[in-house]
Amino acid sequence: MSDKNVADMSFEEALAELETIVVHLESGSVPLEKSIDLYERGAALKAHCEARLKAAEEKVAKITLDANGQPDGLEPVGIS
């Protein structure tokens, strides 16, 4: 596992670490206290991945098209 701050991770880094955590937890060979730590880290990684995906989806959804149907820019994304 990485000691890297979750907020500083790319989507791919966070997802890879989350997958590793799931494998460890599913193995059943991790002591209880370590399982709790891994679960908490996994929850933070999951939330980070979801936020990165949502931001990417919003950016793609806001791509504007010109009269020929070709991408020509982005509309600002409103915060909800």
Protein backbone atom coordinates (compact mmCIF):
# COMPACT_ATOMS: atom_id res chain seq x y z
CA MET A 1 0.00 0.00 0.00
CA SER A 2 1.05 3.54 -0.65
CA ASP A 3 1.50 6.19 2.00
CA LYS A 4 0.72 8.80 -0.64
CA ASN A 5 -2.02 11.29 0.18
CA VAL A 6 -5.19 10.13 -1.60
CA ALA A 7 -5.97 13.67 -2.82
CA ASP A 8 -2.63 13.75 -4.66
CA MET A 9 -3.25 10.48 -6.53
CA SER A 10 -4.32 10.13 -10.12
CA PHE A 11 -7.44 8.14 -10.84
CA GLU A 12 -5.32 5.24 -12.08
CA GLU A 13 -3.09 5.21 -8.99
CA ALA A 14 -6.07 5.29 -6.65
CA LEU A 15 -7.90 2.55 -8.54
CA ALA A 16 -4.83 0.29 -8.57
CA GLU A 17 -4.36 0.70 -4.82
CA LEU A 18 -8.07 0.13 -4.20
CA GLU A 19 -7.91 -3.13 -6.19
CA THR A 20 -4.92 -4.25 -4.09
CA ILE A 21 -6.79 -3.47 -0.88
CA VAL A 22 -9.83 -5.47 -2.04
CA VAL A 23 -7.63 -8.49 -2.78
CA HIS A 24 -6.05 -8.29 0.69
CA LEU A 25 -9.40 -7.91 2.44
CA GLU A 26 -11.01 -10.73 0.46
CA SER A 27 -8.12 -13.07 1.28
CA GLY A 28 -9.18 -13.11 4.92
CA SER A 29 -5.56 -13.31 6.01
CA VAL A 30 -5.27 -9.75 7.30
CA PRO A 31 -5.51 -9.15 11.07
CA LEU A 32 -8.60 -7.27 12.26
CA GLU A 33 -6.88 -3.97 13.07
CA LYS A 34 -5.08 -3.96 9.72
CA SER A 35 -8.40 -4.81 8.00
CA ILE A 36 -10.01 -1.76 9.57
CA ASP A 37 -7.14 0.47 8.41
CA LEU A 38 -7.33 -1.00 4.91
CA TYR A 39 -11.11 -0.57 4.81
CA GLU A 40 -10.81 3.10 5.79
CA ARG A 41 -8.10 3.71 3.18
CA GLY A 42 -10.23 1.86 0.61
CA ALA A 43 -13.24 4.04 1.40
CA ALA A 44 -11.15 7.18 0.87
CA LEU A 45 -9.77 5.80 -2.41
CA LYS A 46 -13.26 4.89 -3.61
CA ALA A 47 -14.57 8.39 -2.86
CA HIS A 48 -11.57 9.91 -4.66
CA CYS A 49 -12.12 7.73 -7.73
CA GLU A 50 -15.83 8.58 -7.81
CA ALA A 51 -15.07 12.31 -7.60
CA ARG A 52 -12.50 12.08 -10.41
CA LEU A 53 -14.94 10.14 -12.60
CA LYS A 54 -17.74 12.62 -11.93
CA ALA A 55 -15.49 15.53 -12.87
CA ALA A 56 -14.48 13.79 -16.09
CA GLU A 57 -18.10 12.96 -16.95
CA GLU A 58 -19.15 16.58 -16.39
CA LYS A 59 -16.34 17.82 -18.59
CA VAL A 60 -17.31 15.44 -21.41
CA ALA A 61 -21.00 16.32 -21.03
CA LYS A 62 -20.21 20.01 -21.48
CA ILE A 63 -18.33 19.67 -24.78
CA THR A 64 -20.06 22.00 -27.22
CA LEU A 65 -20.56 21.24 -30.89
CA ASP A 66 -20.42 23.59 -33.86
CA ALA A 67 -22.99 23.72 -36.68
CA ASN A 68 -21.33 20.69 -38.32
CA GLY A 69 -21.52 18.60 -35.17
CA GLN A 70 -17.79 18.93 -34.45
CA PRO A 71 -16.47 19.73 -30.96
CA ASP A 72 -15.65 23.43 -30.71
CA GLY A 73 -15.20 24.13 -27.02
CA LEU A 74 -16.43 23.61 -23.51
CA GLU A 75 -19.23 25.20 -21.56
CA PRO A 76 -18.42 26.01 -17.95
CA VAL A 77 -19.70 23.37 -15.57
CA GLY A 78 -22.03 24.72 -12.89
CA ILE A 79 -21.46 23.59 -9.34
CA SER A 80 -24.46 21.87 -7.85
